[in-house]
PDB file of N, CA and C in Angstrom:
ATOM      1  N   MET A   1       1.494  43.945  -6.867  1.00  0.00           N
ATOM      2  CA  MET A   1       2.303  43.876  -5.673  1.00  0.00           C
ATOM      3  C   MET A   1       3.328  42.761  -5.814  1.00  0.00           C
ATOM      4  N   GLY A   2       4.204  42.699  -4.860  1.00  0.00           N
ATOM      5  CA  GLY A   2       5.219  41.652  -4.856  1.00  0.00           C
ATOM      6  C   GLY A   2       4.666  40.338  -4.319  1.00  0.00           C
ATOM      7  N   ASP A   3       5.432  39.282  -4.506  1.00  0.00           N
ATOM      8  CA  ASP A   3       5.007  37.959  -4.071  1.00  0.00           C
ATOM      9  C   ASP A   3       4.798  37.888  -2.555  1.00  0.00           C
ATOM     10  N   ILE A   4       5.692  38.494  -1.797  1.00  0.00           N
ATOM     11  CA  ILE A   4       5.587  38.443  -0.339  1.00  0.00           C
ATOM     12  C   ILE A   4       4.339  39.187   0.138  1.00  0.00           C
ATOM     13  N   ALA A   5       4.086  40.353  -0.413  1.00  0.00           N
ATOM     14  CA  ALA A   5       2.895  41.117  -0.028  1.00  0.00           C
ATOM     15  C   ALA A   5       1.623  40.339  -0.363  1.00  0.00           C
ATOM     16  N   ASP A   6       1.600  39.709  -1.518  1.00  0.00           N
ATOM     17  CA  ASP A   6       0.438  38.900  -1.899  1.00  0.00           C
ATOM     18  C   ASP A   6       0.234  37.734  -0.940  1.00  0.00           C
ATOM     19  N   MET A   7       1.329  37.098  -0.530  1.00  0.00           N
ATOM     20  CA  MET A   7       1.223  35.964   0.395  1.00  0.00           C
ATOM     21  C   MET A   7       0.730  36.414   1.769  1.00  0.00           C
ATOM     22  N   ILE A   8       1.116  37.615   2.198  1.00  0.00           N
ATOM     23  CA  ILE A   8       0.621  38.154   3.470  1.00  0.00           C
ATOM     24  C   ILE A   8      -0.870  38.430   3.369  1.00  0.00           C
ATOM     25  N   LEU A   9      -1.297  39.047   2.265  1.00  0.00           N
ATOM     26  CA  LEU A   9      -2.714  39.354   2.083  1.00  0.00           C
ATOM     27  C   LEU A   9      -3.571  38.101   1.969  1.00  0.00           C
ATOM     28  N   GLU A  10      -3.009  37.032   1.421  1.00  0.00           N
ATOM     29  CA  GLU A  10      -3.739  35.768   1.302  1.00  0.00           C
ATOM     30  C   GLU A  10      -3.764  34.999   2.614  1.00  0.00           C
ATOM     31  N   GLY A  11      -2.873  35.343   3.533  1.00  0.00           N
ATOM     32  CA  GLY A  11      -2.826  34.668   4.816  1.00  0.00           C
ATOM     33  C   GLY A  11      -1.822  33.543   4.886  1.00  0.00           C
ATOM     34  N   LEU A  12      -0.948  33.398   3.889  1.00  0.00           N
ATOM     35  CA  LEU A  12       0.084  32.357   3.928  1.00  0.00           C
ATOM     36  C   LEU A  12       1.252  32.731   4.830  1.00  0.00           C
ATOM     37  N   LEU A  13       1.526  34.028   4.951  1.00  0.00           N
ATOM     38  CA  LEU A  13       2.599  34.510   5.812  1.00  0.00           C
ATOM     39  C   LEU A  13       1.997  35.364   6.922  1.00  0.00           C
ATOM     40  N   ASP A  14       2.564  35.252   8.110  1.00  0.00           N
ATOM     41  CA  ASP A  14       2.128  36.063   9.250  1.00  0.00           C
ATOM     42  C   ASP A  14       2.328  37.530   8.896  1.00  0.00           C
ATOM     43  N   GLU A  15       1.305  38.354   9.091  1.00  0.00           N
ATOM     44  CA  GLU A  15       1.393  39.748   8.670  1.00  0.00           C
ATOM     45  C   GLU A  15       2.359  40.572   9.501  1.00  0.00           C
ATOM     46  N   GLU A  16       2.744  40.114  10.684  1.00  0.00           N
ATOM     47  CA  GLU A  16       3.684  40.874  11.502  1.00  0.00           C
ATOM     48  C   GLU A  16       5.106  40.341  11.408  1.00  0.00           C
ATOM     49  N   THR A  17       5.272  39.032  11.328  1.00  0.00           N
ATOM     50  CA  THR A  17       6.618  38.460  11.329  1.00  0.00           C
ATOM     51  C   THR A  17       7.080  37.995   9.960  1.00  0.00           C
ATOM     52  N   GLY A  18       6.170  37.748   9.024  1.00  0.00           N
ATOM     53  CA  GLY A  18       6.529  37.237   7.712  1.00  0.00           C
ATOM     54  C   GLY A  18       6.767  35.740   7.701  1.00  0.00           C
ATOM     55  N   GLU A  19       6.523  35.089   8.829  1.00  0.00           N
ATOM     56  CA  GLU A  19       6.728  33.652   8.963  1.00  0.00           C
ATOM     57  C   GLU A  19       5.635  32.881   8.217  1.00  0.00           C
ATOM     58  N   TYR A  20       5.989  31.737   7.625  1.00  0.00           N
ATOM     59  CA  TYR A  20       5.017  30.886   6.947  1.00  0.00           C
ATOM     60  C   TYR A  20       4.074  30.270   7.988  1.00  0.00           C
ATOM     61  N   ILE A  21       2.776  30.454   7.794  1.00  0.00           N
ATOM     62  CA  ILE A  21       1.797  29.933   8.748  1.00  0.00           C
ATOM     63  C   ILE A  21       0.734  29.069   8.068  1.00  0.00           C
ATOM     64  N   GLY A  22       1.012  28.623   6.843  1.00  0.00           N
ATOM     65  CA  GLY A  22       0.045  27.823   6.103  1.00  0.00           C
ATOM     66  C   GLY A  22      -0.374  26.557   6.819  1.00  0.00           C
ATOM     67  N   ASP A  23       0.565  25.901   7.520  1.00  0.00           N
ATOM     68  CA  ASP A  23       0.226  24.670   8.239  1.00  0.00           C
ATOM     69  C   ASP A  23      -0.733  24.942   9.395  1.00  0.00           C
ATOM     70  N   GLN A  24      -0.500  26.024  10.135  1.00  0.00           N
ATOM     71  CA  GLN A  24      -1.404  26.387  11.229  1.00  0.00           C
ATOM     72  C   GLN A  24      -2.779  26.747  10.688  1.00  0.00           C
ATOM     73  N   ASN A  25      -2.819  27.465   9.570  1.00  0.00           N
ATOM     74  CA  ASN A  25      -4.098  27.830   8.957  1.00  0.00           C
ATOM     75  C   ASN A  25      -4.879  26.596   8.547  1.00  0.00           C
ATOM     76  N   LYS A  26      -4.177  25.602   7.997  1.00  0.00           N
ATOM     77  CA  LYS A  26      -4.848  24.383   7.536  1.00  0.00           C
ATOM     78  C   LYS A  26      -5.544  23.687   8.698  1.00  0.00           C
ATOM     79  N   GLU A  27      -4.906  23.668   9.870  1.00  0.00           N
ATOM     80  CA  GLU A  27      -5.505  23.050  11.050  1.00  0.00           C
ATOM     81  C   GLU A  27      -6.744  23.826  11.511  1.00  0.00           C
ATOM     82  N   ILE A  28      -6.693  25.149  11.437  1.00  0.00           N
ATOM     83  CA  ILE A  28      -7.782  25.985  11.953  1.00  0.00           C
ATOM     84  C   ILE A  28      -8.881  26.212  10.918  1.00  0.00           C
ATOM     85  N   TYR A  29      -8.497  26.583   9.687  1.00  0.00           N
ATOM     86  CA  TYR A  29      -9.464  26.980   8.666  1.00  0.00           C
ATOM     87  C   TYR A  29      -9.730  25.905   7.614  1.00  0.00           C
ATOM     88  N   GLY A  30      -8.915  24.850   7.592  1.00  0.00           N
ATOM     89  CA  GLY A  30      -9.091  23.805   6.595  1.00  0.00           C
ATOM     90  C   GLY A  30      -8.398  24.099   5.277  1.00  0.00           C
ATOM     91  N   THR A  31      -7.725  25.207   5.180  1.00  0.00           N
ATOM     92  CA  THR A  31      -6.977  25.586   3.982  1.00  0.00           C
ATOM     93  C   THR A  31      -5.735  26.352   4.407  1.00  0.00           C
ATOM     94  N   GLU A  32      -4.675  26.259   3.600  1.00  0.00           N
ATOM     95  CA  GLU A  32      -3.446  26.977   3.933  1.00  0.00           C
ATOM     96  C   GLU A  32      -3.609  28.477   3.807  1.00  0.00           C
ATOM     97  N   SER A  33      -4.505  28.902   2.927  1.00  0.00           N
ATOM     98  CA  SER A  33      -4.685  30.320   2.638  1.00  0.00           C
ATOM     99  C   SER A  33      -6.126  30.730   2.916  1.00  0.00           C
ATOM    100  N   PRO A  34      -6.419  31.316   4.099  1.00  0.00           N
ATOM    101  CA  PRO A  34      -7.801  31.669   4.413  1.00  0.00           C
ATOM    102  C   PRO A  34      -8.335  32.865   3.625  1.00  0.00           C
ATOM    103  N   GLY A  35      -7.454  33.615   2.951  1.00  0.00           N
ATOM    104  CA  GLY A  35      -7.906  34.732   2.127  1.00  0.00           C
ATOM    105  C   GLY A  35      -7.925  36.076   2.817  1.00  0.00           C
ATOM    106  N   PHE A  36      -7.317  36.172   3.974  1.00  0.00           N
ATOM    107  CA  PHE A  36      -7.242  37.450   4.678  1.00  0.00           C
ATOM    108  C   PHE A  36      -5.967  37.468   5.517  1.00  0.00           C
ATOM    109  N   PRO A  37      -5.418  38.656   5.778  1.00  0.00           N
ATOM    110  CA  PRO A  37      -4.195  38.746   6.594  1.00  0.00           C
ATOM    111  C   PRO A  37      -4.465  38.258   8.015  1.00  0.00           C
ATOM    112  N   ILE A  38      -3.502  37.560   8.577  1.00  0.00           N
ATOM    113  CA  ILE A  38      -3.660  37.003   9.915  1.00  0.00           C
ATOM    114  C   ILE A  38      -2.316  37.025  10.617  1.00  0.00           C
ATOM    115  N   SER A  39      -2.335  37.096  11.951  1.00  0.00           N
ATOM    116  CA  SER A  39      -1.099  37.072  12.720  1.00  0.00           C
ATOM    117  C   SER A  39      -1.301  36.240  13.977  1.00  0.00           C
ATOM    118  N   TYR A  40      -0.597  35.139  14.055  1.00  0.00           N
ATOM    119  CA  TYR A  40      -0.622  34.329  15.275  1.00  0.00           C
ATOM    120  C   TYR A  40       0.321  34.915  16.311  1.00  0.00           C
ATOM    121  N   GLU A  41       1.305  35.670  15.870  1.00  0.00           N
ATOM    122  CA  GLU A  41       2.232  36.331  16.795  1.00  0.00           C
ATOM    123  C   GLU A  41       1.472  37.321  17.672  1.00  0.00           C
ATOM    124  N   ARG A  42       0.555  38.067  17.097  1.00  0.00           N
ATOM    125  CA  ARG A  42      -0.239  39.028  17.864  1.00  0.00           C
ATOM    126  C   ARG A  42      -1.070  38.307  18.928  1.00  0.00           C
ATOM    127  N   ASP A  43      -1.626  37.156  18.567  1.00  0.00           N
ATOM    128  CA  ASP A  43      -2.417  36.395  19.524  1.00  0.00           C
ATOM    129  C   ASP A  43      -1.580  35.917  20.698  1.00  0.00           C
ATOM    130  N   ARG A  44      -0.329  35.559  20.438  1.00  0.00           N
ATOM    131  CA  ARG A  44       0.543  35.100  21.518  1.00  0.00           C
ATOM    132  C   ARG A  44       0.954  36.245  22.434  1.00  0.00           C
ATOM    133  N   ARG A  45       0.987  37.476  21.906  1.00  0.00           N
ATOM    134  CA  ARG A  45       1.405  38.641  22.695  1.00  0.00           C
ATOM    135  C   ARG A  45       0.293  39.207  23.552  1.00  0.00           C
ATOM    136  N   ASN A  46      -0.953  38.990  23.152  1.00  0.00           N
ATOM    137  CA  ASN A  46      -2.061  39.612  23.870  1.00  0.00           C
ATOM    138  C   ASN A  46      -2.121  39.118  25.306  1.00  0.00           C
ATOM    139  N   PRO A  47      -2.275  40.023  26.233  1.00  0.00           N
ATOM    140  CA  PRO A  47      -2.327  39.643  27.642  1.00  0.00           C
ATOM    141  C   PRO A  47      -3.613  38.896  27.968  1.00  0.00           C
ATOM    142  N   GLU A  48      -3.544  38.145  29.033  1.00  0.00           N
ATOM    143  CA  GLU A  48      -4.691  37.374  29.489  1.00  0.00           C
ATOM    144  C   GLU A  48      -5.781  38.327  29.983  1.00  0.00           C
ATOM    145  N   LYS A  49      -7.021  37.994  29.666  1.00  0.00           N
ATOM    146  CA  LYS A  49      -8.141  38.831  30.088  1.00  0.00           C
ATOM    147  C   LYS A  49      -9.082  38.041  30.977  1.00  0.00           C
ATOM    148  N   THR A  50      -9.860  38.772  31.756  1.00  0.00           N
ATOM    149  CA  THR A  50     -10.836  38.170  32.643  1.00  0.00           C
ATOM    150  C   THR A  50     -12.072  39.056  32.660  1.00  0.00           C
ATOM    151  N   ASN A  51     -13.142  38.571  33.223  1.00  0.00           N
ATOM    152  CA  ASN A  51     -14.359  39.365  33.350  1.00  0.00           C
ATOM    153  C   ASN A  51     -14.348  40.096  34.690  1.00  0.00           C
ATOM    154  N   CYS A  52     -14.794  41.345  34.686  1.00  0.00           N
ATOM    155  CA  CYS A  52     -14.939  42.098  35.927  1.00  0.00           C
ATOM    156  C   CYS A  52     -16.053  41.429  36.736  1.00  0.00           C
ATOM    157  N   PRO A  53     -15.811  41.144  38.006  1.00  0.00           N
ATOM    158  CA  PRO A  53     -16.846  40.487  38.812  1.00  0.00           C
ATOM    159  C   PRO A  53     -18.067  41.369  39.084  1.00  0.00           C
ATOM    160  N   ILE A  54     -17.941  42.680  38.872  1.00  0.00           N
ATOM    161  CA  ILE A  54     -19.046  43.597  39.136  1.00  0.00           C
ATOM    162  C   ILE A  54     -19.906  43.823  37.902  1.00  0.00           C
ATOM    163  N   CYS A  55     -19.262  44.192  36.775  1.00  0.00           N
ATOM    164  CA  CYS A  55     -20.024  44.544  35.582  1.00  0.00           C
ATOM    165  C   CYS A  55     -19.900  43.531  34.445  1.00  0.00           C
ATOM    166  N   GLY A  56     -18.955  42.598  34.549  1.00  0.00           N
ATOM    167  CA  GLY A  56     -18.794  41.577  33.533  1.00  0.00           C
ATOM    168  C   GLY A  56     -17.963  42.000  32.340  1.00  0.00           C
ATOM    169  N   ARG A  57     -17.458  43.220  32.310  1.00  0.00           N
ATOM    170  CA  ARG A  57     -16.651  43.702  31.183  1.00  0.00           C
ATOM    171  C   ARG A  57     -15.326  42.946  31.116  1.00  0.00           C
ATOM    172  N   ARG A  58     -14.845  42.658  29.889  1.00  0.00           N
ATOM    173  CA  ARG A  58     -13.566  41.990  29.694  1.00  0.00           C
ATOM    174  C   ARG A  58     -12.442  42.999  29.903  1.00  0.00           C
ATOM    175  N   VAL A  59     -11.569  42.712  30.841  1.00  0.00           N
ATOM    176  CA  VAL A  59     -10.436  43.581  31.139  1.00  0.00           C
ATOM    177  C   VAL A  59      -9.183  42.726  31.286  1.00  0.00           C
ATOM    178  N   LYS A  60      -8.025  43.350  31.114  1.00  0.00           N
ATOM    179  CA  LYS A  60      -6.769  42.646  31.325  1.00  0.00           C
ATOM    180  C   LYS A  60      -6.645  42.307  32.805  1.00  0.00           C
ATOM    181  N   VAL A  61      -6.076  41.140  33.086  1.00  0.00           N
ATOM    182  CA  VAL A  61      -5.904  40.717  34.472  1.00  0.00           C
ATOM    183  C   VAL A  61      -5.103  41.769  35.241  1.00  0.00           C
ATOM    184  N   ALA A  62      -4.056  42.295  34.610  1.00  0.00           N
ATOM    185  CA  ALA A  62      -3.216  43.297  35.271  1.00  0.00           C
ATOM    186  C   ALA A  62      -3.959  44.610  35.516  1.00  0.00           C
ATOM    187  N   GLY A  63      -5.025  44.890  34.774  1.00  0.00           N
ATOM    188  CA  GLY A  63      -5.745  46.149  34.921  1.00  0.00           C
ATOM    189  C   GLY A  63      -7.055  46.049  35.677  1.00  0.00           C
ATOM    190  N   LEU A  64      -7.366  44.870  36.226  1.00  0.00           N
ATOM    191  CA  LEU A  64      -8.640  44.686  36.926  1.00  0.00           C
ATOM    192  C   LEU A  64      -8.764  45.611  38.135  1.00  0.00           C
ATOM    193  N   ARG A  65      -7.697  45.752  38.878  1.00  0.00           N
ATOM    194  CA  ARG A  65      -7.740  46.623  40.066  1.00  0.00           C
ATOM    195  C   ARG A  65      -8.009  48.075  39.662  1.00  0.00           C
ATOM    196  N   ASP A  66      -7.319  48.553  38.613  1.00  0.00           N
ATOM    197  CA  ASP A  66      -7.523  49.924  38.143  1.00  0.00           C
ATOM    198  C   ASP A  66      -8.940  50.106  37.615  1.00  0.00           C
ATOM    199  N   HIS A  67      -9.445  49.132  36.865  1.00  0.00           N
ATOM    200  CA  HIS A  67     -10.809  49.198  36.345  1.00  0.00           C
ATOM    201  C   HIS A  67     -11.814  49.308  37.481  1.00  0.00           C
ATOM    202  N   THR A  68     -11.647  48.471  38.488  1.00  0.00           N
ATOM    203  CA  THR A  68     -12.575  48.477  39.618  1.00  0.00           C
ATOM    204  C   THR A  68     -12.546  49.819  40.327  1.00  0.00           C
ATOM    205  N   ARG A  69     -11.369  50.362  40.539  1.00  0.00           N
ATOM    206  CA  ARG A  69     -11.233  51.648  41.222  1.00  0.00           C
ATOM    207  C   ARG A  69     -11.835  52.781  40.384  1.00  0.00           C
ATOM    208  N   ASP A  70     -11.490  52.828  39.096  1.00  0.00           N
ATOM    209  CA  ASP A  70     -11.895  53.937  38.244  1.00  0.00           C
ATOM    210  C   ASP A  70     -13.367  53.897  37.855  1.00  0.00           C
ATOM    211  N   VAL A  71     -13.879  52.729  37.568  1.00  0.00           N
ATOM    212  CA  VAL A  71     -15.246  52.622  37.065  1.00  0.00           C
ATOM    213  C   VAL A  71     -16.259  52.436  38.187  1.00  0.00           C
ATOM    214  N   HIS A  72     -15.900  51.656  39.181  1.00  0.00           N
ATOM    215  CA  HIS A  72     -16.864  51.313  40.222  1.00  0.00           C
ATOM    216  C   HIS A  72     -16.619  52.045  41.548  1.00  0.00           C
ATOM    217  N   GLY A  73     -15.562  52.850  41.591  1.00  0.00           N
ATOM    218  CA  GLY A  73     -15.315  53.681  42.763  1.00  0.00           C
ATOM    219  C   GLY A  73     -14.890  52.929  43.994  1.00  0.00           C
ATOM    220  N   GLY A  74     -14.340  51.765  43.823  1.00  0.00           N
ATOM    221  CA  GLY A  74     -13.888  50.984  44.977  1.00  0.00           C
ATOM    222  C   GLY A  74     -12.488  50.500  44.774  1.00  0.00           C
ATOM    223  N   SER A  75     -12.071  49.612  45.629  1.00  0.00           N
ATOM    224  CA  SER A  75     -10.748  49.010  45.479  1.00  0.00           C
ATOM    225  C   SER A  75     -10.920  47.507  45.312  1.00  0.00           C
ATOM    226  N   ALA A  76      -9.969  46.900  44.637  1.00  0.00           N
ATOM    227  CA  ALA A  76     -10.060  45.463  44.348  1.00  0.00           C
ATOM    228  C   ALA A  76      -9.693  44.641  45.542  1.00  0.00           C
TER     229      ALA A  76
END
């Protein structure tokens, strides 16, 4: 493979943006190259989640009302 693809697979470059993330990896994993593809961009995009107060399932904050209505037959 090419150098860039190898760096993505090693975890030196963000797998979605191609940005160098070795410094962030060193803080989290203790090494610049954790040995697997990783994306911090995806983590920043993921919506905030909360636990359903009825069943405890992890759901998106924006979808809690729909979850409660659809699964538990009530309204939030």
